[in-house]
Structure formats: C-alpha cells, structure tokens
Amino acid sequence: MHESDWLQRTSPAFRLMIATSWLAPKSCQKHQEEAIRQAIGAKPDWAEYLRLVDRHRTPALSWAALGRVPDLAVPEPAKQELRGRNDACRVQAVRHCLQLGRVLKGFNRTGIPVMPLKGPILSSELYGDVGLRQSKDIDLAVAPDDLYRAQACLNDLDWHLDSSWFPMTPRQWERLLRTEQHLSFIQSQGGCVLELHWRNHWDPPGLDNTRWARSILSVWQGCFHQEMDPIDQVLYLCGHGGAHAWFRAKWLGDLARIHTAGRVNWQAALDHAISTGQEKPLLVCLQLLYVVHGLPMPGLQRNPSENLPSFLVESPLREIRASKDPASSSAIDVLSYLLRLSYYKKLVQPRRTWRESLSELAYSREDCRVLRLPDSLFWAYVPLRPVLWAWRKFSRLWAR
C-alpha cells in the first residue's frame, strides 16, 4: 500500500478522514493504523476533521478506526465530539433495524419478494456490526410488478408517502415509473424515512431481471429477503457511487473493505460487468481505491483501465475533496456540479441514448403539482417545462 501524490497534496485533516472512513480487516490493519498515525502526526485541524466526518457520514467508522490505535494524541474536545456523533449514529442504526425488521415481516406475510439495499444489513455483512455504517434512510427494492402491492403493504404498516408526493393521474404515474426510480415514505410515529426502489437509473436496460434471478434467499432477524449475489452487490455499489461521482468517502470505504477482505473475485466481476455493460463503473472504482486508499490493483487480464477517459477518475477526486455536499453548495456550484455529473454519466454509461437523457430533462414531477393538466393534455408539459421551471423558482424567491 502507498500514499499517492494526490493524497499527499491534501490537508492532514482530510488524510485522517480518508484513513478512518472505513475499517480495515486484520490483513490491512497495520497499514491503516500507520496512515492514521501519520495524519495525526501532521497536526490536523480537528474542527476541519469533524466537518469532514459529517460531510462523508463516517462517525461510527471513524470512532472505531481511531479506537483501534493505541496511544493516539486526540484532543479531548474532539474526542468527545466524535463520541457523540458515534452514539447518535448507533441510535439511528437501532431505529432502522427495528423498522426494517417490521417491514420485512410485513412483506413476508403478503408474499412480496424484497431486496434490502445497503443500510444495516450491508453494515453487518461487511463489518459484523449493524451500527458502523451511517444511513439516513432505509432502502428496499421490489420488482416493478410488485410496486403497488408493496406500497399498499407499507400503508398498512403506517408508512405514508412524504410531502413531496401528491395524487397523480394514470399518465403521470406511467411517466413516473419510466423516469424515476423510487418512492419516499415516512413512518408516521418515528419519522424514519424509507425509499422503495423498483429500478436504478444507472443500470443498463434489463439488468434488474438478471439481478433478481441471481439473488439468494437469506434470513435476517427471522425475516426472509433476497440478497444480491456478491458480484452483483459489488457492481451495484460501484454503480451507486458512480451515479453520484463518488462525492462521499464512505461509499469508497465499503469497497475498500470488500477488496482487502477478499470478498470478491475481481476478474469474475469484470467479466460479468463487461457482459452487462457495467465495466466502466467497476474500473473507475478500482482506480479510485488505488489513488485514494493506496490499495493494489487486482491482477486483471490485459489492462482494461488504460482506455478509461481521465475525467472519470479526475472528477470523483475533485468531488470527494469538496468541502460541502453538492446539495448544500451555492446555486452556481450546484449547477456546475450537475453539469459535470451529466457529462460524467454520459462517459460512464455510453449506452444511454440522447433521447433518454432529453426525456428526463423534459420531465419533472413538480410540473404536475404546479399545473394540474388532464391526461388528454399531458403532452403539454414538455413545451411548458421552461415556463413551469421559471414559475417555481420565482415562487420560492417570492416566498422568501
């Protein structure tokens, strides 16, 4: 393992955040401990470090990683702040586990196959601890044909669509199912958030059917669920990170753990990725693991990374170093990020047609809220899109 020139040019606080953004298995624990000691020896700004931990959502991982290194000179105020963040992360994980178990039981009773995505189950699989990965919500996937039954089941369990949703006409629902990827639910009592997915916008066409067919029936807390095949899980995590240009370090940390723990055959993963059009997200991930974490590249046949556009690696390195989440930046910075992300997705998903991209640009669920057209005039949303967009922006500014 090595420290790249890119990482050496970052601040000590950033290097410490990267070093503590995952939990290395025993085979790499000494290397992680040395990276932590070197970053602390460079006298990091602890306020900056805590901001980065919040930004990349690694409080419990960072607390655990620091706790494994004896005799660290961590200032007591910073230690107390991080301990508080760790405790809050674990409390949230317990709430999610309780709610997830309840939802899985409901789906089991109604006979709906369900696939948990990330969250406490992934935390348990990777680290043997459901509380290490911070998750802001619960993510579940169902087959598109089961979506309406799954929604009814969640309603019976006291989950309801959040305030961004509203009654829709049949044409509006049809367009939503083709363009969007999940419904957001709120638990009435506890306020937990759940996202019910029926597709992933970064997946090639038809991949969902393959993933479901290759999934494995598993049990968690006495509840049945479908678990992704290990290779499919790696490709899903690569696609998820790539869909956001890897702006959060915890996503790369999950794959660092998978890589160093020997949980996947990378050649087999690449072969399957090539057959399904997912090779670029996988190869970008391996390049980032090399640059950010100093992990060795696996021995793959030929050198499939040599033809990767440099932007696919340079852009994530820029996003991961950004001081703020894209959504919390200024309007100009958000627009700049969206333009870079659009170009990034085009490079990483070459099979995505311009027609598909333009179709998404011409669609916004909010348009249907601003102007309630009947299905017979549904076509009018496309030419009216710029007007409706401007009206929404004006209305928000006027409200302020």
Protein backbone atom coordinates (compact mmCIF):
# COMPACT_ATOMS: atom_id res chain seq x y z
CA MET A 1 0.00 0.00 0.00
CA HIS A 2 1.20 3.51 -0.76
CA GLU A 3 0.17 7.14 -0.31
CA SER A 4 -0.49 8.74 -3.68
CA ASP A 5 0.68 12.18 -4.75
CA TRP A 6 -2.97 13.24 -4.83
CA LEU A 7 -3.48 12.32 -1.18
CA GLN A 8 -0.18 13.94 -0.11
CA ARG A 9 -1.41 17.25 -1.52
CA THR A 10 -4.48 17.25 0.77
CA SER A 11 -4.71 18.59 4.32
CA PRO A 12 -3.83 16.42 7.36
CA ALA A 13 -7.49 16.52 8.42
CA PHE A 14 -8.60 15.19 5.02
CA ARG A 15 -5.97 12.44 5.09
CA LEU A 16 -7.15 11.47 8.57
CA MET A 17 -10.76 11.36 7.40
CA ILE A 18 -9.82 9.10 4.48
CA ALA A 19 -7.79 6.83 6.79
CA THR A 20 -10.76 6.49 9.18
CA SER A 21 -13.56 6.32 6.59
CA TRP A 22 -13.54 2.50 6.71
CA LEU A 23 -12.42 -0.30 8.99
CA ALA A 24 -9.64 -2.43 7.55
CA PRO A 25 -9.63 -6.21 8.10
CA LYS A 26 -6.76 -7.69 10.11
CA SER A 27 -4.67 -8.23 6.98
CA CYS A 28 -4.51 -4.45 6.41
CA GLN A 29 -5.00 -3.14 9.94
CA LYS A 30 -1.34 -2.18 10.45
CA HIS A 31 -1.35 -0.16 7.23
CA GLN A 32 -4.49 1.68 8.32
CA GLU A 33 -3.04 2.36 11.76
CA GLU A 34 0.14 3.78 10.21
CA ALA A 35 -1.91 6.07 7.93
CA ILE A 36 -3.83 7.31 10.98
CA ARG A 37 -0.64 7.95 12.97
CA GLN A 38 0.96 9.84 10.08
CA ALA A 39 -2.10 12.06 9.59
CA ILE A 40 -2.31 12.87 13.33
CA GLY A 41 1.44 13.45 13.44
CA ALA A 42 0.93 16.17 10.79
CA LYS A 43 -1.25 18.04 13.36
CA PRO A 44 -4.69 18.09 11.69
CA ASP A 45 -7.24 20.82 12.27
CA TRP A 46 -9.71 18.85 14.39
CA ALA A 47 -12.63 21.15 13.62
CA GLU A 48 -12.00 20.50 9.92
CA TYR A 49 -11.77 16.77 10.59
CA LEU A 50 -15.14 16.72 12.36
CA ARG A 51 -16.71 18.68 9.49
CA LEU A 52 -15.33 16.13 7.04
CA VAL A 53 -16.65 13.24 9.14
CA ASP A 54 -20.09 14.86 9.00
CA ARG A 55 -19.74 15.57 5.28
CA HIS A 56 -18.78 11.99 4.42
CA ARG A 57 -21.06 10.36 7.06
CA THR A 58 -18.43 8.22 8.76
CA PRO A 59 -18.86 8.97 12.50
CA ALA A 60 -19.04 5.40 13.80
CA LEU A 61 -16.42 4.12 11.37
CA SER A 62 -14.07 6.97 12.29
CA TRP A 63 -14.60 6.42 16.02
CA ALA A 64 -13.94 2.68 15.65
CA ALA A 65 -10.86 3.17 13.47
CA LEU A 66 -9.31 5.66 15.91
CA GLY A 67 -10.19 3.40 18.83
CA ARG A 68 -8.12 0.55 17.42
CA VAL A 69 -4.88 2.58 17.50
CA PRO A 70 -3.32 2.78 20.98
CA ASP A 71 -1.83 5.96 22.48
CA LEU A 72 -3.21 8.43 19.92
CA ALA A 73 -2.89 12.12 20.76
CA VAL A 74 -6.50 13.08 20.11
CA PRO A 75 -7.59 16.27 21.93
CA GLU A 76 -10.30 15.60 24.48
CA PRO A 77 -12.83 18.08 22.98
CA ALA A 78 -12.51 16.43 19.55
CA LYS A 79 -12.78 13.00 21.17
CA GLN A 80 -16.00 13.98 22.96
CA GLU A 81 -17.49 15.45 19.78
CA LEU A 82 -16.72 12.32 17.78
CA ARG A 83 -18.03 10.05 20.54
CA GLY A 84 -21.33 11.95 20.48
CA ARG A 85 -21.59 11.53 16.71
CA ASN A 86 -20.82 7.82 17.06
CA ASP A 87 -23.54 7.39 19.68
CA ALA A 88 -26.10 9.22 17.54
CA CYS A 89 -25.19 7.06 14.53
CA ARG A 90 -25.69 3.88 16.54
CA VAL A 91 -29.02 5.03 17.97
CA GLN A 92 -30.22 5.73 14.44
CA ALA A 93 -29.00 2.30 13.31
CA VAL A 94 -31.01 0.62 16.09
CA ARG A 95 -34.14 2.51 15.00
CA HIS A 96 -33.57 1.47 11.39
CA CYS A 97 -33.04 -2.17 12.40
CA LEU A 98 -36.31 -2.23 14.34
CA GLN A 99 -38.25 -0.61 11.49
CA LEU A 100 -36.58 -2.76 8.84
CA GLY A 101 -37.45 -5.96 10.72
CA ARG A 102 -41.07 -4.84 10.98
CA VAL A 103 -41.27 -4.02 7.27
CA LEU A 104 -39.64 -7.29 6.20
CA LYS A 105 -42.15 -9.24 8.31
CA GLY A 106 -44.98 -7.38 6.61
CA PHE A 107 -43.60 -8.17 3.16
CA ASN A 108 -43.11 -11.81 4.17
CA ARG A 109 -46.76 -12.06 5.28
CA THR A 110 -48.00 -10.67 1.97
CA GLY A 111 -45.62 -12.78 -0.11
CA ILE A 112 -43.76 -9.87 -1.73
CA PRO A 113 -40.08 -10.60 -2.54
CA VAL A 114 -37.93 -7.74 -1.24
CA MET A 115 -34.26 -6.88 -1.51
CA PRO A 116 -32.67 -4.56 1.13
CA LEU A 117 -30.09 -2.17 -0.32
CA LYS A 118 -27.07 -1.01 1.73
CA GLY A 119 -28.12 0.03 5.26
CA PRO A 120 -27.71 -2.05 8.43
CA ILE A 121 -27.66 -5.39 6.60
CA LEU A 122 -24.68 -4.31 4.49
CA SER A 123 -23.02 -2.93 7.62
CA SER A 124 -23.48 -6.31 9.29
CA GLU A 125 -22.15 -8.19 6.24
CA LEU A 126 -19.03 -6.04 5.86
CA TYR A 127 -18.14 -5.28 9.47
CA GLY A 128 -20.16 -7.66 11.64
CA ASP A 129 -21.79 -4.60 13.24
CA VAL A 130 -25.07 -3.02 12.11
CA GLY A 131 -24.16 0.32 13.68
CA LEU A 132 -20.94 1.19 11.84
CA ARG A 133 -22.38 2.48 8.55
CA GLN A 134 -24.43 5.67 8.84
CA SER A 135 -27.65 5.62 6.83
CA LYS A 136 -30.15 8.45 6.62
CA ASP A 137 -32.95 6.14 5.44
CA ILE A 138 -33.97 2.56 4.72
CA ASP A 139 -33.63 1.42 1.11
CA LEU A 140 -35.63 -1.53 -0.25
CA ALA A 141 -36.08 -2.84 -3.77
CA VAL A 142 -39.05 -4.69 -5.22
CA ALA A 143 -39.80 -5.89 -8.73
CA PRO A 144 -41.78 -3.35 -10.79
CA ASP A 145 -44.78 -5.71 -10.93
CA ASP A 146 -44.90 -5.77 -7.12
CA LEU A 147 -44.72 -2.00 -6.63
CA TYR A 148 -48.41 -1.37 -5.99
CA ARG A 149 -48.73 -4.30 -3.57
CA ALA A 150 -45.58 -3.12 -1.77
CA GLN A 151 -47.00 0.40 -1.45
CA ALA A 152 -50.24 -0.98 0.00
CA CYS A 153 -48.26 -3.13 2.45
CA LEU A 154 -46.30 -0.10 3.64
CA ASN A 155 -49.51 1.89 4.07
CA ASP A 156 -50.88 -0.92 6.27
CA LEU A 157 -47.67 -0.71 8.34
CA ASP A 158 -48.25 3.03 8.93
CA TRP A 159 -45.82 4.29 6.30
CA HIS A 160 -47.08 7.06 4.04
CA LEU A 161 -45.71 8.91 1.02
CA ASP A 162 -43.80 12.01 2.09
CA SER A 163 -44.97 15.56 1.42
CA SER A 164 -43.27 15.78 -1.98
CA TRP A 165 -45.81 13.32 -3.39
CA PHE A 166 -49.37 14.08 -4.44
CA PRO A 167 -52.30 12.37 -6.22
CA MET A 168 -51.43 11.62 -9.85
CA THR A 169 -53.35 10.75 -12.96
CA PRO A 170 -52.68 7.44 -14.77
CA ARG A 171 -50.45 9.16 -17.38
CA GLN A 172 -48.46 10.92 -14.67
CA TRP A 173 -47.89 7.62 -12.85
CA GLU A 174 -46.88 5.92 -16.10
CA ARG A 175 -44.26 8.60 -16.75
CA LEU A 176 -43.06 8.48 -13.16
CA LEU A 177 -42.47 4.72 -13.33
CA ARG A 178 -40.44 5.13 -16.54
CA THR A 179 -38.39 8.13 -15.38
CA GLU A 180 -37.96 7.96 -11.61
CA GLN A 181 -36.62 5.11 -9.51
CA HIS A 182 -38.11 5.19 -6.02
CA LEU A 183 -40.97 6.33 -3.81
CA SER A 184 -40.20 8.03 -0.49
CA PHE A 185 -42.18 7.04 2.62
CA ILE A 186 -42.28 8.45 6.14
CA GLN A 187 -43.07 6.38 9.24
CA SER A 188 -45.96 8.15 10.96
CA GLN A 189 -44.77 7.67 14.55
CA GLY A 190 -40.97 7.57 14.49
CA GLY A 191 -40.34 9.76 11.45
CA CYS A 192 -38.00 7.25 9.78
CA VAL A 193 -37.61 7.56 6.01
CA LEU A 194 -37.87 4.61 3.62
CA GLU A 195 -37.17 4.59 -0.11
CA LEU A 196 -38.94 1.91 -2.14
CA HIS A 197 -36.97 1.27 -5.34
CA TRP A 198 -38.12 -0.53 -8.47
CA ARG A 199 -35.09 0.28 -10.66
CA ASN A 200 -31.73 2.07 -10.62
CA HIS A 201 -31.26 4.84 -13.15
CA TRP A 202 -27.59 3.91 -13.63
CA ASP A 203 -28.35 0.29 -14.62
CA PRO A 204 -28.32 -0.88 -18.25
CA PRO A 205 -31.77 -1.98 -19.57
CA GLY A 206 -32.92 -5.38 -18.35
CA LEU A 207 -30.34 -5.65 -15.58
CA ASP A 208 -32.95 -5.71 -12.79
CA ASN A 209 -34.34 -9.04 -14.03
CA THR A 210 -30.85 -10.56 -14.09
CA ARG A 211 -30.06 -9.28 -10.59
CA TRP A 212 -33.28 -10.70 -9.15
CA ALA A 213 -32.69 -14.05 -10.89
CA ARG A 214 -29.18 -14.31 -9.41
CA SER A 215 -30.19 -13.20 -5.91
CA ILE A 216 -30.03 -15.54 -2.92
CA LEU A 217 -32.81 -16.16 -0.39
CA SER A 218 -31.48 -15.09 3.02
CA VAL A 219 -32.74 -14.60 6.57
CA TRP A 220 -32.17 -11.58 8.81
CA GLN A 221 -33.72 -11.33 12.28
CA GLY A 222 -36.04 -14.19 11.37
CA CYS A 223 -37.24 -12.45 8.17
CA PHE A 224 -36.73 -13.66 4.62
CA HIS A 225 -35.30 -11.35 1.98
CA GLN A 226 -33.41 -11.59 -1.30
CA GLU A 227 -29.70 -10.93 -1.06
CA MET A 228 -27.66 -9.87 -4.08
CA ASP A 229 -25.08 -12.25 -5.49
CA PRO A 230 -21.67 -10.99 -4.22
CA ILE A 231 -20.58 -9.86 -7.68
CA ASP A 232 -23.90 -8.13 -8.30
CA GLN A 233 -23.55 -6.37 -4.95
CA VAL A 234 -20.09 -5.05 -5.87
CA LEU A 235 -21.37 -3.83 -9.24
CA TYR A 236 -24.39 -2.23 -7.56
CA LEU A 237 -22.13 -0.37 -5.10
CA CYS A 238 -19.84 0.73 -7.96
CA GLY A 239 -22.88 1.96 -9.91
CA HIS A 240 -24.30 3.78 -6.89
CA GLY A 241 -21.03 5.55 -6.17
CA GLY A 242 -20.52 6.36 -9.84
CA ALA A 243 -24.03 7.75 -10.20
CA HIS A 244 -23.03 10.43 -7.66
CA ALA A 245 -19.44 10.83 -8.94
CA TRP A 246 -18.23 9.32 -5.64
CA PHE A 247 -18.62 12.55 -3.66
CA ARG A 248 -18.91 10.68 -0.32
CA ALA A 249 -15.91 8.77 1.08
CA LYS A 250 -17.97 6.11 2.87
CA TRP A 251 -19.06 4.60 -0.46
CA LEU A 252 -15.46 4.02 -1.47
CA GLY A 253 -14.70 2.76 2.05
CA ASP A 254 -17.26 -0.04 1.65
CA LEU A 255 -15.46 -1.24 -1.47
CA ALA A 256 -12.06 -0.87 0.20
CA ARG A 257 -13.30 -3.29 2.86
CA ILE A 258 -14.63 -5.71 0.21
CA HIS A 259 -11.33 -5.52 -1.71
CA THR A 260 -9.00 -6.05 1.24
CA ALA A 261 -11.16 -8.74 2.84
CA GLY A 262 -11.03 -10.78 -0.39
CA ARG A 263 -14.80 -10.90 -0.67
CA VAL A 264 -14.90 -10.82 -4.47
CA ASN A 265 -13.04 -12.27 -7.45
CA TRP A 266 -12.31 -9.11 -9.43
CA GLN A 267 -11.68 -10.90 -12.72
CA ALA A 268 -15.03 -12.70 -12.45
CA ALA A 269 -16.64 -9.38 -11.51
CA LEU A 270 -15.09 -7.67 -14.54
CA ASP A 271 -16.16 -10.48 -16.88
CA HIS A 272 -19.74 -10.20 -15.65
CA ALA A 273 -19.58 -6.39 -15.79
CA ILE A 274 -18.47 -6.48 -19.43
CA SER A 275 -21.36 -8.80 -20.29
CA THR A 276 -23.87 -6.39 -18.69
CA GLY A 277 -22.32 -3.04 -19.67
CA GLN A 278 -21.12 -2.15 -16.16
CA GLU A 279 -17.36 -2.35 -16.69
CA LYS A 280 -16.58 1.37 -16.53
CA PRO A 281 -18.01 1.97 -13.01
CA LEU A 282 -16.07 -1.08 -11.81
CA LEU A 283 -12.77 0.03 -13.37
CA VAL A 284 -13.19 3.58 -12.04
CA CYS A 285 -13.76 2.16 -8.56
CA LEU A 286 -10.51 0.17 -8.72
CA GLN A 287 -8.59 3.24 -9.88
CA LEU A 288 -10.04 5.30 -7.01
CA LEU A 289 -9.18 2.60 -4.47
CA TYR A 290 -5.60 2.80 -5.73
CA VAL A 291 -5.35 6.61 -5.64
CA VAL A 292 -7.41 7.36 -2.50
CA HIS A 293 -6.63 4.36 -0.30
CA GLY A 294 -3.39 3.12 -1.84
CA LEU A 295 -4.83 -0.35 -2.40
CA PRO A 296 -3.12 -2.54 -5.01
CA MET A 297 -4.81 -3.05 -8.36
CA PRO A 298 -6.00 -6.65 -8.78
CA GLY A 299 -4.31 -8.73 -11.46
CA LEU A 300 -6.75 -8.49 -14.37
CA GLN A 301 -6.26 -9.90 -17.84
CA ARG A 302 -4.83 -7.29 -20.23
CA ASN A 303 -5.06 -3.72 -18.88
CA PRO A 304 -8.73 -2.76 -19.18
CA SER A 305 -8.21 0.58 -17.40
CA GLU A 306 -5.86 2.05 -19.97
CA ASN A 307 -8.71 3.26 -22.20
CA LEU A 308 -10.68 4.93 -19.40
CA PRO A 309 -11.27 8.66 -20.03
CA SER A 310 -9.23 10.55 -17.43
CA PHE A 311 -12.29 12.63 -16.48
CA LEU A 312 -13.90 9.52 -14.95
CA VAL A 313 -11.20 9.45 -12.28
CA GLU A 314 -10.36 13.15 -12.03
CA SER A 315 -13.96 14.23 -11.44
CA PRO A 316 -14.55 11.93 -8.41
CA LEU A 317 -11.20 13.04 -6.94
CA ARG A 318 -12.46 16.61 -7.19
CA GLU A 319 -15.89 15.84 -5.73
CA ILE A 320 -14.57 13.82 -2.80
CA ARG A 321 -12.31 16.72 -1.78
CA ALA A 322 -15.11 19.31 -1.93
CA SER A 323 -15.73 20.88 1.47
CA LYS A 324 -19.54 20.66 1.17
CA ASP A 325 -22.16 18.28 -0.16
CA PRO A 326 -23.24 19.29 -3.67
CA ALA A 327 -26.80 19.95 -2.46
CA SER A 328 -25.66 22.40 0.25
CA SER A 329 -23.41 24.49 -2.00
CA SER A 330 -24.31 27.77 -3.70
CA ALA A 331 -26.67 27.79 -6.68
CA ILE A 332 -23.78 28.30 -9.10
CA ASP A 333 -21.78 25.46 -7.55
CA VAL A 334 -24.82 23.16 -7.66
CA LEU A 335 -25.36 23.95 -11.34
CA SER A 336 -21.67 23.35 -12.05
CA TYR A 337 -21.83 20.01 -10.22
CA LEU A 338 -24.94 18.93 -12.15
CA LEU A 339 -23.28 19.75 -15.47
CA ARG A 340 -20.15 17.80 -14.51
CA LEU A 341 -22.30 14.91 -13.28
CA SER A 342 -24.30 14.86 -16.52
CA TYR A 343 -21.09 14.63 -18.55
CA TYR A 344 -19.72 12.04 -16.13
CA LYS A 345 -22.79 9.84 -16.51
CA LYS A 346 -22.58 10.12 -20.29
CA LEU A 347 -19.00 8.84 -20.21
CA VAL A 348 -19.64 6.08 -17.69
CA GLN A 349 -22.94 4.98 -19.30
CA PRO A 350 -22.24 5.13 -23.04
CA ARG A 351 -25.27 3.01 -23.88
CA ARG A 352 -27.55 5.72 -22.58
CA THR A 353 -29.09 7.45 -25.60
CA TRP A 354 -29.52 11.20 -26.02
CA ARG A 355 -33.24 10.57 -26.36
CA GLU A 356 -33.31 9.03 -22.89
CA SER A 357 -31.34 11.95 -21.46
CA LEU A 358 -33.57 14.55 -23.11
CA SER A 359 -36.66 12.67 -21.97
CA GLU A 360 -35.53 13.05 -18.36
CA LEU A 361 -34.71 16.73 -18.84
CA ALA A 362 -38.21 17.29 -20.20
CA TYR A 363 -39.78 15.70 -17.10
CA SER A 364 -40.32 16.96 -13.58
CA ARG A 365 -42.87 15.62 -11.15
CA GLU A 366 -43.15 19.13 -9.70
CA ASP A 367 -44.56 20.37 -13.02
CA CYS A 368 -47.63 18.23 -12.38
CA ARG A 369 -48.08 19.87 -8.99
CA VAL A 370 -47.77 23.43 -10.33
CA LEU A 371 -50.15 22.84 -13.25
CA ARG A 372 -52.74 20.07 -12.95
CA LEU A 373 -53.41 19.14 -16.58
CA PRO A 374 -55.78 16.30 -17.53
CA ASP A 375 -54.28 13.24 -19.22
CA SER A 376 -55.63 14.41 -22.58
CA LEU A 377 -53.23 17.41 -22.34
CA PHE A 378 -50.31 15.57 -20.73
CA TRP A 379 -48.17 16.24 -23.83
CA ALA A 380 -48.25 19.98 -23.00
CA TYR A 381 -45.87 19.53 -20.04
CA VAL A 382 -42.90 19.21 -22.41
CA PRO A 383 -43.18 22.62 -24.17
CA LEU A 384 -44.29 24.24 -20.89
CA ARG A 385 -41.34 22.87 -18.91
CA PRO A 386 -39.17 26.04 -19.09
CA VAL A 387 -42.14 28.22 -18.08
CA LEU A 388 -43.07 25.96 -15.16
CA TRP A 389 -39.44 25.80 -14.01
CA ALA A 390 -39.20 29.60 -14.01
CA TRP A 391 -42.51 29.87 -12.16
CA ARG A 392 -41.33 27.52 -9.40
CA LYS A 393 -38.10 29.48 -8.97
CA PHE A 394 -39.98 32.79 -8.87
CA SER A 395 -42.49 31.43 -6.35
CA ARG A 396 -39.72 30.28 -4.00
CA LEU A 397 -37.94 33.61 -4.20
CA TRP A 398 -41.23 35.46 -3.57
CA ALA A 399 -41.95 33.24 -0.55
CA ARG A 400 -38.57 34.18 0.95
